[in-house]
Amino acid sequence: MRFKEQIDVTRLPEHIAIIMDGNGRWAKNQGKFRHFGHESGVLSVKDIVEGCADIGIKHLTVYAFSTENWNRPIEEVNALMELLISTINQETATLTKNNIRLNAIGDIASLPQKCIEDLKSAMDKTAGNTRCTLTLALSYSAKWELIEAAKKLAQLVKDQSLRIDEINEENFAAQLTTLNIPDPELMIRTSGEHRISNFLLWQMAYTELYFTDTLWPDFRREDLFEAIVDYQKRERRFGKISEQLN
């Protein structure tokens, strides 16, 4: 039986986050340059987005470019930015056709101006789509996000719009880039690495983690469905005990 047929559609995670890892190793295994792996990884993104929309996942967030990725060789960074621009321009119409909304989180202002313009255009064109929201984490790190949130809260206190003793989880979360996006219930990381690499640290406090040895360019929707089946076998207690849930 295929994994899709094993999924209980009444217990789907509303939000799945993915660390797309292994493009460079995949390209090396093919005897190609790293950029070839990134280009091939785009095909995986398209298939996973379609797979999520197909079964009813409402939110998908992919870690596309971290703040630490700026430290990579300039040739690779430039190639990634060019790939980002071309992919956005090529896929906007397909996103609209499939009723998928494009969103982005991160230090967007640090991206090249052409990226910012094309990204904003695509987000505007897909803003009314409701089937699924695809969020790109671009120039993103959780530490950066938490520091920015702390600065915003400090400014509110300074402006006397908020008292220090009023700061709680709710108004802290309201300063994050993921405002109005539910916390992910499932995080998938490809390529065999077992870490979360500065990704959605606040939001993933109770997220189920799923690691696979599959390199990202080889990851397809059947792999996604396998991860969801694994997720649905787990008991999510949120600090309670099994007897309380049952």
C-alpha atoms as a PDB file:
ATOM      1  CA  MET A   1       0.000   0.000   0.000  1.00  0.00           C
ATOM      2  CA  ARG A   2       1.336   3.415  -0.943  1.00  0.00           C
ATOM      3  CA  PHE A   3       1.900   5.894   1.854  1.00  0.00           C
ATOM      4  CA  LYS A   4      -0.729   8.303   0.536  1.00  0.00           C
ATOM      5  CA  GLU A   5      -3.371   5.634   1.021  1.00  0.00           C
ATOM      6  CA  GLN A   6      -2.286   5.194   4.663  1.00  0.00           C
ATOM      7  CA  ILE A   7      -2.777   8.859   5.564  1.00  0.00           C
ATOM      8  CA  ASP A   8      -5.688   9.755   7.833  1.00  0.00           C
ATOM      9  CA  VAL A   9      -6.911  12.959   6.200  1.00  0.00           C
ATOM     10  CA  THR A  10      -8.811  13.878   9.368  1.00  0.00           C
ATOM     11  CA  ARG A  11      -5.526  14.189  11.303  1.00  0.00           C
ATOM     12  CA  LEU A  12      -3.295  16.081   8.911  1.00  0.00           C
ATOM     13  CA  PRO A  13      -0.727  18.522  10.254  1.00  0.00           C
ATOM     14  CA  GLU A  14      -1.915  22.012   9.377  1.00  0.00           C
ATOM     15  CA  HIS A  15       1.647  23.252   8.913  1.00  0.00           C
ATOM     16  CA  ILE A  16       4.736  21.375   7.710  1.00  0.00           C
ATOM     17  CA  ALA A  17       8.209  22.944   7.780  1.00  0.00           C
ATOM     18  CA  ILE A  18      11.087  21.551   5.732  1.00  0.00           C
ATOM     19  CA  ILE A  19      14.856  22.019   5.866  1.00  0.00           C
ATOM     20  CA  MET A  20      15.845  21.231   2.290  1.00  0.00           C
ATOM     21  CA  ASP A  21      19.335  19.824   2.735  1.00  0.00           C
ATOM     22  CA  GLY A  22      21.682  17.889   0.486  1.00  0.00           C
ATOM     23  CA  ASN A  23      21.701  19.752  -2.841  1.00  0.00           C
ATOM     24  CA  GLY A  24      25.475  20.129  -2.855  1.00  0.00           C
ATOM     25  CA  ARG A  25      26.187  16.508  -1.929  1.00  0.00           C
ATOM     26  CA  TRP A  26      23.678  15.311  -4.509  1.00  0.00           C
ATOM     27  CA  ALA A  27      25.438  17.344  -7.227  1.00  0.00           C
ATOM     28  CA  LYS A  28      28.846  16.062  -6.108  1.00  0.00           C
ATOM     29  CA  ASN A  29      27.561  12.493  -6.352  1.00  0.00           C
ATOM     30  CA  GLN A  30      26.553  13.271  -9.938  1.00  0.00           C
ATOM     31  CA  GLY A  31      29.946  14.757 -10.712  1.00  0.00           C
ATOM     32  CA  LYS A  32      28.341  18.188 -11.163  1.00  0.00           C
ATOM     33  CA  PHE A  33      28.784  21.674  -9.703  1.00  0.00           C
ATOM     34  CA  ARG A  34      26.755  22.591  -6.594  1.00  0.00           C
ATOM     35  CA  HIS A  35      24.470  24.859  -8.626  1.00  0.00           C
ATOM     36  CA  PHE A  36      23.225  21.806 -10.520  1.00  0.00           C
ATOM     37  CA  GLY A  37      22.004  20.418  -7.200  1.00  0.00           C
ATOM     38  CA  HIS A  38      20.148  23.635  -6.372  1.00  0.00           C
ATOM     39  CA  GLU A  39      18.463  23.616  -9.783  1.00  0.00           C
ATOM     40  CA  SER A  40      17.413  19.994  -9.309  1.00  0.00           C
ATOM     41  CA  GLY A  41      16.147  20.848  -5.835  1.00  0.00           C
ATOM     42  CA  VAL A  42      13.610  23.226  -7.372  1.00  0.00           C
ATOM     43  CA  LEU A  43      11.877  20.217  -8.938  1.00  0.00           C
ATOM     44  CA  SER A  44      11.511  18.720  -5.467  1.00  0.00           C
ATOM     45  CA  VAL A  45       9.991  21.944  -4.154  1.00  0.00           C
ATOM     46  CA  LYS A  46       7.410  21.937  -6.939  1.00  0.00           C
ATOM     47  CA  ASP A  47       6.478  18.302  -6.318  1.00  0.00           C
ATOM     48  CA  ILE A  48       6.219  18.738  -2.536  1.00  0.00           C
ATOM     49  CA  VAL A  49       4.102  21.889  -2.847  1.00  0.00           C
ATOM     50  CA  GLU A  50       1.730  20.064  -5.187  1.00  0.00           C
ATOM     51  CA  GLY A  51       1.695  17.047  -2.851  1.00  0.00           C
ATOM     52  CA  CYS A  52       0.794  19.218   0.137  1.00  0.00           C
ATOM     53  CA  ALA A  53      -1.988  20.964  -1.756  1.00  0.00           C
ATOM     54  CA  ASP A  54      -3.266  17.627  -3.074  1.00  0.00           C
ATOM     55  CA  ILE A  55      -3.937  16.137   0.362  1.00  0.00           C
ATOM     56  CA  GLY A  56      -5.008  19.329   2.132  1.00  0.00           C
ATOM     57  CA  ILE A  57      -1.950  20.688   3.971  1.00  0.00           C
ATOM     58  CA  LYS A  58      -2.710  24.384   4.543  1.00  0.00           C
ATOM     59  CA  HIS A  59       0.796  25.690   5.285  1.00  0.00           C
ATOM     60  CA  LEU A  60       4.224  24.657   3.980  1.00  0.00           C
ATOM     61  CA  THR A  61       7.362  26.545   5.012  1.00  0.00           C
ATOM     62  CA  VAL A  62      10.685  25.742   3.354  1.00  0.00           C
ATOM     63  CA  TYR A  63      14.100  26.915   4.560  1.00  0.00           C
ATOM     64  CA  ALA A  64      15.344  28.303   1.268  1.00  0.00           C
ATOM     65  CA  PHE A  65      18.264  30.537   2.331  1.00  0.00           C
ATOM     66  CA  SER A  66      19.599  31.172   5.824  1.00  0.00           C
ATOM     67  CA  THR A  67      21.478  34.225   7.059  1.00  0.00           C
ATOM     68  CA  GLU A  68      24.492  31.927   7.436  1.00  0.00           C
ATOM     69  CA  ASN A  69      24.290  31.036   3.728  1.00  0.00           C
ATOM     70  CA  TRP A  70      25.596  34.519   2.910  1.00  0.00           C
ATOM     71  CA  ASN A  71      28.983  33.176   4.062  1.00  0.00           C
ATOM     72  CA  ARG A  72      29.136  30.701   1.185  1.00  0.00           C
ATOM     73  CA  PRO A  73      31.378  31.398  -1.850  1.00  0.00           C
ATOM     74  CA  ILE A  74      30.110  34.484  -3.681  1.00  0.00           C
ATOM     75  CA  GLU A  75      29.671  32.527  -6.921  1.00  0.00           C
ATOM     76  CA  GLU A  76      27.251  30.127  -5.222  1.00  0.00           C
ATOM     77  CA  VAL A  77      25.343  32.936  -3.510  1.00  0.00           C
ATOM     78  CA  ASN A  78      24.952  34.821  -6.799  1.00  0.00           C
ATOM     79  CA  ALA A  79      23.796  31.661  -8.550  1.00  0.00           C
ATOM     80  CA  LEU A  80      21.240  31.016  -5.801  1.00  0.00           C
ATOM     81  CA  MET A  81      19.874  34.549  -6.081  1.00  0.00           C
ATOM     82  CA  GLU A  82      19.570  34.223  -9.870  1.00  0.00           C
ATOM     83  CA  LEU A  83      17.845  30.861  -9.431  1.00  0.00           C
ATOM     84  CA  LEU A  84      15.450  32.394  -6.912  1.00  0.00           C
ATOM     85  CA  ILE A  85      14.500  35.182  -9.310  1.00  0.00           C
ATOM     86  CA  SER A  86      14.000  32.903 -12.302  1.00  0.00           C
ATOM     87  CA  THR A  87      12.011  30.343 -10.296  1.00  0.00           C
ATOM     88  CA  ILE A  88       9.683  32.980  -8.849  1.00  0.00           C
ATOM     89  CA  ASN A  89       9.026  34.440 -12.291  1.00  0.00           C
ATOM     90  CA  GLN A  90       8.446  31.025 -13.860  1.00  0.00           C
ATOM     91  CA  GLU A  91       6.213  29.604 -11.138  1.00  0.00           C
ATOM     92  CA  THR A  92       3.919  32.520 -10.219  1.00  0.00           C
ATOM     93  CA  ALA A  93       1.327  31.592 -12.825  1.00  0.00           C
ATOM     94  CA  THR A  94       1.413  27.927 -11.718  1.00  0.00           C
ATOM     95  CA  LEU A  95       0.916  28.944  -8.084  1.00  0.00           C
ATOM     96  CA  THR A  96      -2.129  30.976  -9.068  1.00  0.00           C
ATOM     97  CA  LYS A  97      -3.491  28.162 -11.227  1.00  0.00           C
ATOM     98  CA  ASN A  98      -3.216  25.795  -8.236  1.00  0.00           C
ATOM     99  CA  ASN A  99      -4.690  28.369  -5.812  1.00  0.00           C
ATOM    100  CA  ILE A 100      -1.456  28.526  -3.766  1.00  0.00           C
ATOM    101  CA  ARG A 101      -0.414  31.696  -1.960  1.00  0.00           C
ATOM    102  CA  LEU A 102       3.255  32.698  -1.829  1.00  0.00           C
ATOM    103  CA  ASN A 103       4.641  34.199   1.359  1.00  0.00           C
ATOM    104  CA  ALA A 104       8.130  35.003   2.647  1.00  0.00           C
ATOM    105  CA  ILE A 105       9.777  35.456   6.048  1.00  0.00           C
ATOM    106  CA  GLY A 106      13.249  36.639   6.964  1.00  0.00           C
ATOM    107  CA  ASP A 107      15.443  39.676   6.468  1.00  0.00           C
ATOM    108  CA  ILE A 108      13.978  40.297   3.028  1.00  0.00           C
ATOM    109  CA  ALA A 109      15.569  43.760   2.811  1.00  0.00           C
ATOM    110  CA  SER A 110      19.010  42.106   2.655  1.00  0.00           C
ATOM    111  CA  LEU A 111      18.178  40.369  -0.650  1.00  0.00           C
ATOM    112  CA  PRO A 112      19.186  41.876  -4.014  1.00  0.00           C
ATOM    113  CA  GLN A 113      16.712  44.522  -5.164  1.00  0.00           C
ATOM    114  CA  LYS A 114      15.580  42.453  -8.152  1.00  0.00           C
ATOM    115  CA  CYS A 115      14.755  39.551  -5.809  1.00  0.00           C
ATOM    116  CA  ILE A 116      12.770  41.843  -3.530  1.00  0.00           C
ATOM    117  CA  GLU A 117      10.788  43.310  -6.423  1.00  0.00           C
ATOM    118  CA  ASP A 118       9.965  39.972  -8.048  1.00  0.00           C
ATOM    119  CA  LEU A 119       9.148  38.374  -4.710  1.00  0.00           C
ATOM    120  CA  LYS A 120       6.766  41.193  -3.779  1.00  0.00           C
ATOM    121  CA  SER A 121       5.133  41.005  -7.198  1.00  0.00           C
ATOM    122  CA  ALA A 122       4.556  37.258  -6.886  1.00  0.00           C
ATOM    123  CA  MET A 123       3.205  37.619  -3.359  1.00  0.00           C
ATOM    124  CA  ASP A 124       0.806  40.334  -4.492  1.00  0.00           C
ATOM    125  CA  LYS A 125      -0.410  38.265  -7.447  1.00  0.00           C
ATOM    126  CA  THR A 126      -1.073  35.204  -5.273  1.00  0.00           C
ATOM    127  CA  ALA A 127      -2.381  37.025  -2.187  1.00  0.00           C
ATOM    128  CA  GLY A 128      -5.975  35.924  -2.751  1.00  0.00           C
ATOM    129  CA  ASN A 129      -5.191  32.214  -3.126  1.00  0.00           C
ATOM    130  CA  THR A 130      -6.570  29.991  -0.372  1.00  0.00           C
ATOM    131  CA  ARG A 131      -5.752  26.335  -0.999  1.00  0.00           C
ATOM    132  CA  CYS A 132      -2.287  26.330   0.572  1.00  0.00           C
ATOM    133  CA  THR A 133       0.298  28.907   1.678  1.00  0.00           C
ATOM    134  CA  LEU A 134       3.905  28.337   0.622  1.00  0.00           C
ATOM    135  CA  THR A 135       6.264  30.351   2.824  1.00  0.00           C
ATOM    136  CA  LEU A 136       9.878  30.830   1.751  1.00  0.00           C
ATOM    137  CA  ALA A 137      12.318  31.434   4.607  1.00  0.00           C
ATOM    138  CA  LEU A 138      14.828  33.727   2.901  1.00  0.00           C
ATOM    139  CA  SER A 139      17.848  35.314   4.571  1.00  0.00           C
ATOM    140  CA  TYR A 140      16.263  33.880   7.685  1.00  0.00           C
ATOM    141  CA  SER A 141      17.564  32.728  11.035  1.00  0.00           C
ATOM    142  CA  ALA A 142      15.575  32.146  14.198  1.00  0.00           C
ATOM    143  CA  LYS A 143      18.100  34.063  16.302  1.00  0.00           C
ATOM    144  CA  TRP A 144      17.741  37.068  14.000  1.00  0.00           C
ATOM    145  CA  GLU A 145      13.947  36.781  14.252  1.00  0.00           C
ATOM    146  CA  LEU A 146      13.974  36.573  18.059  1.00  0.00           C
ATOM    147  CA  ILE A 147      16.294  39.566  18.369  1.00  0.00           C
ATOM    148  CA  GLU A 148      14.060  41.603  16.048  1.00  0.00           C
ATOM    149  CA  ALA A 149      11.011  40.625  18.109  1.00  0.00           C
ATOM    150  CA  ALA A 150      12.795  41.684  21.314  1.00  0.00           C
ATOM    151  CA  LYS A 151      13.646  45.050  19.743  1.00  0.00           C
ATOM    152  CA  LYS A 152      10.007  45.606  18.773  1.00  0.00           C
ATOM    153  CA  LEU A 153       8.796  44.793  22.283  1.00  0.00           C
ATOM    154  CA  ALA A 154      11.450  47.083  23.769  1.00  0.00           C
ATOM    155  CA  GLN A 155      10.235  49.897  21.525  1.00  0.00           C
ATOM    156  CA  LEU A 156       6.630  49.317  22.630  1.00  0.00           C
ATOM    157  CA  VAL A 157       7.733  49.544  26.259  1.00  0.00           C
ATOM    158  CA  LYS A 158       9.761  52.662  25.508  1.00  0.00           C
ATOM    159  CA  ASP A 159       6.726  54.231  23.809  1.00  0.00           C
ATOM    160  CA  GLN A 160       4.646  53.282  26.854  1.00  0.00           C
ATOM    161  CA  SER A 161       2.352  51.185  24.647  1.00  0.00           C
ATOM    162  CA  LEU A 162       3.196  48.102  26.698  1.00  0.00           C
ATOM    163  CA  ARG A 163       4.275  47.477  30.278  1.00  0.00           C
ATOM    164  CA  ILE A 164       7.088  45.049  31.012  1.00  0.00           C
ATOM    165  CA  ASP A 165       4.811  42.915  33.179  1.00  0.00           C
ATOM    166  CA  GLU A 166       2.404  42.616  30.226  1.00  0.00           C
ATOM    167  CA  ILE A 167       4.953  40.815  28.048  1.00  0.00           C
ATOM    168  CA  ASN A 168       3.805  37.223  27.546  1.00  0.00           C
ATOM    169  CA  GLU A 169       3.987  34.447  24.944  1.00  0.00           C
ATOM    170  CA  GLU A 170       1.085  35.879  22.961  1.00  0.00           C
ATOM    171  CA  ASN A 171       2.398  39.392  22.429  1.00  0.00           C
ATOM    172  CA  PHE A 172       5.941  38.117  21.926  1.00  0.00           C
ATOM    173  CA  ALA A 173       4.724  35.760  19.177  1.00  0.00           C
ATOM    174  CA  ALA A 174       2.861  38.687  17.631  1.00  0.00           C
ATOM    175  CA  GLN A 175       6.226  40.324  16.861  1.00  0.00           C
ATOM    176  CA  LEU A 176       7.551  37.315  14.934  1.00  0.00           C
ATOM    177  CA  THR A 177       7.628  37.034  11.156  1.00  0.00           C
ATOM    178  CA  THR A 178       5.222  34.098  11.378  1.00  0.00           C
ATOM    179  CA  LEU A 179       2.331  36.162  12.725  1.00  0.00           C
ATOM    180  CA  ASN A 180      -0.958  34.578  11.538  1.00  0.00           C
ATOM    181  CA  ILE A 181       0.824  31.336  10.599  1.00  0.00           C
ATOM    182  CA  PRO A 182       0.188  28.361  12.921  1.00  0.00           C
ATOM    183  CA  ASP A 183       3.231  26.724  14.492  1.00  0.00           C
ATOM    184  CA  PRO A 184       4.420  23.706  12.468  1.00  0.00           C
ATOM    185  CA  GLU A 185       3.310  20.330  13.762  1.00  0.00           C
ATOM    186  CA  LEU A 186       5.863  18.476  11.623  1.00  0.00           C
ATOM    187  CA  MET A 187       9.403  19.429  10.591  1.00  0.00           C
ATOM    188  CA  ILE A 188      11.197  17.380   7.956  1.00  0.00           C
ATOM    189  CA  ARG A 189      14.936  17.540   7.314  1.00  0.00           C
ATOM    190  CA  THR A 190      16.541  15.708   4.433  1.00  0.00           C
ATOM    191  CA  SER A 191      20.125  14.451   3.882  1.00  0.00           C
ATOM    192  CA  GLY A 192      20.670  12.635   7.184  1.00  0.00           C
ATOM    193  CA  GLU A 193      21.618  15.643   9.310  1.00  0.00           C
ATOM    194  CA  HIS A 194      19.948  15.619  12.753  1.00  0.00           C
ATOM    195  CA  ARG A 195      19.720  19.286  13.718  1.00  0.00           C
ATOM    196  CA  ILE A 196      17.363  22.213  13.142  1.00  0.00           C
ATOM    197  CA  SER A 197      20.009  24.772  12.107  1.00  0.00           C
ATOM    198  CA  ASN A 198      18.561  27.981  13.530  1.00  0.00           C
ATOM    199  CA  PHE A 199      15.142  27.402  11.940  1.00  0.00           C
ATOM    200  CA  LEU A 200      11.879  28.476  13.635  1.00  0.00           C
ATOM    201  CA  LEU A 201      13.257  27.924  17.141  1.00  0.00           C
ATOM    202  CA  TRP A 202      10.302  29.583  18.905  1.00  0.00           C
ATOM    203  CA  GLN A 203       7.672  28.048  16.644  1.00  0.00           C
ATOM    204  CA  MET A 204       9.025  24.483  16.868  1.00  0.00           C
ATOM    205  CA  ALA A 205       8.831  24.152  20.649  1.00  0.00           C
ATOM    206  CA  TYR A 206       6.409  21.203  20.269  1.00  0.00           C
ATOM    207  CA  THR A 207       6.989  20.244  16.646  1.00  0.00           C
ATOM    208  CA  GLU A 208       7.489  16.585  15.741  1.00  0.00           C
ATOM    209  CA  LEU A 209      10.881  16.151  14.046  1.00  0.00           C
ATOM    210  CA  TYR A 210      11.412  13.768  11.129  1.00  0.00           C
ATOM    211  CA  PHE A 211      14.849  13.091   9.647  1.00  0.00           C
ATOM    212  CA  THR A 212      15.552  11.186   6.444  1.00  0.00           C
ATOM    213  CA  ASP A 213      18.794  10.226   4.701  1.00  0.00           C
ATOM    214  CA  THR A 214      17.268  11.128   1.319  1.00  0.00           C
ATOM    215  CA  LEU A 215      19.021  14.094  -0.302  1.00  0.00           C
ATOM    216  CA  TRP A 216      16.679  16.940  -1.166  1.00  0.00           C
ATOM    217  CA  PRO A 217      16.777  16.598  -4.996  1.00  0.00           C
ATOM    218  CA  ASP A 218      15.589  12.980  -4.586  1.00  0.00           C
ATOM    219  CA  PHE A 219      12.809  13.854  -2.112  1.00  0.00           C
ATOM    220  CA  ARG A 220       9.350  13.552  -3.670  1.00  0.00           C
ATOM    221  CA  ARG A 221       5.748  13.543  -2.527  1.00  0.00           C
ATOM    222  CA  GLU A 222       5.764   9.830  -1.647  1.00  0.00           C
ATOM    223  CA  ASP A 223       8.602  10.632   0.785  1.00  0.00           C
ATOM    224  CA  LEU A 224       6.465  13.468   2.136  1.00  0.00           C
ATOM    225  CA  PHE A 225       3.529  11.107   2.598  1.00  0.00           C
ATOM    226  CA  GLU A 226       5.801   8.636   4.411  1.00  0.00           C
ATOM    227  CA  ALA A 227       6.794  11.410   6.844  1.00  0.00           C
ATOM    228  CA  ILE A 228       3.141  12.266   7.448  1.00  0.00           C
ATOM    229  CA  VAL A 229       2.276   8.613   8.118  1.00  0.00           C
ATOM    230  CA  ASP A 230       5.135   8.486  10.643  1.00  0.00           C
ATOM    231  CA  TYR A 231       3.852  11.703  12.246  1.00  0.00           C
ATOM    232  CA  GLN A 232       0.352  10.278  12.599  1.00  0.00           C
ATOM    233  CA  LYS A 233       1.699   7.286  14.535  1.00  0.00           C
ATOM    234  CA  ARG A 234       3.094   9.544  17.246  1.00  0.00           C
ATOM    235  CA  GLU A 235       1.343  10.624  20.428  1.00  0.00           C
ATOM    236  CA  ARG A 236       1.485  14.392  20.945  1.00  0.00           C
ATOM    237  CA  ARG A 237       1.088  15.016  24.685  1.00  0.00           C
ATOM    238  CA  PHE A 238       2.178  18.662  25.147  1.00  0.00           C
ATOM    239  CA  GLY A 239       3.332  17.949  28.707  1.00  0.00           C
ATOM    240  CA  LYS A 240       0.386  15.717  29.602  1.00  0.00           C
ATOM    241  CA  ILE A 241       0.397  11.950  30.092  1.00  0.00           C
ATOM    242  CA  SER A 242      -1.200   9.368  27.816  1.00  0.00           C
ATOM    243  CA  GLU A 243      -4.081   8.693  30.204  1.00  0.00           C
ATOM    244  CA  GLN A 244      -5.119  12.341  30.082  1.00  0.00           C
ATOM    245  CA  LEU A 245      -5.303  12.250  26.292  1.00  0.00           C
ATOM    246  CA  ASN A 246      -7.309   9.037  26.244  1.00  0.00           C
END
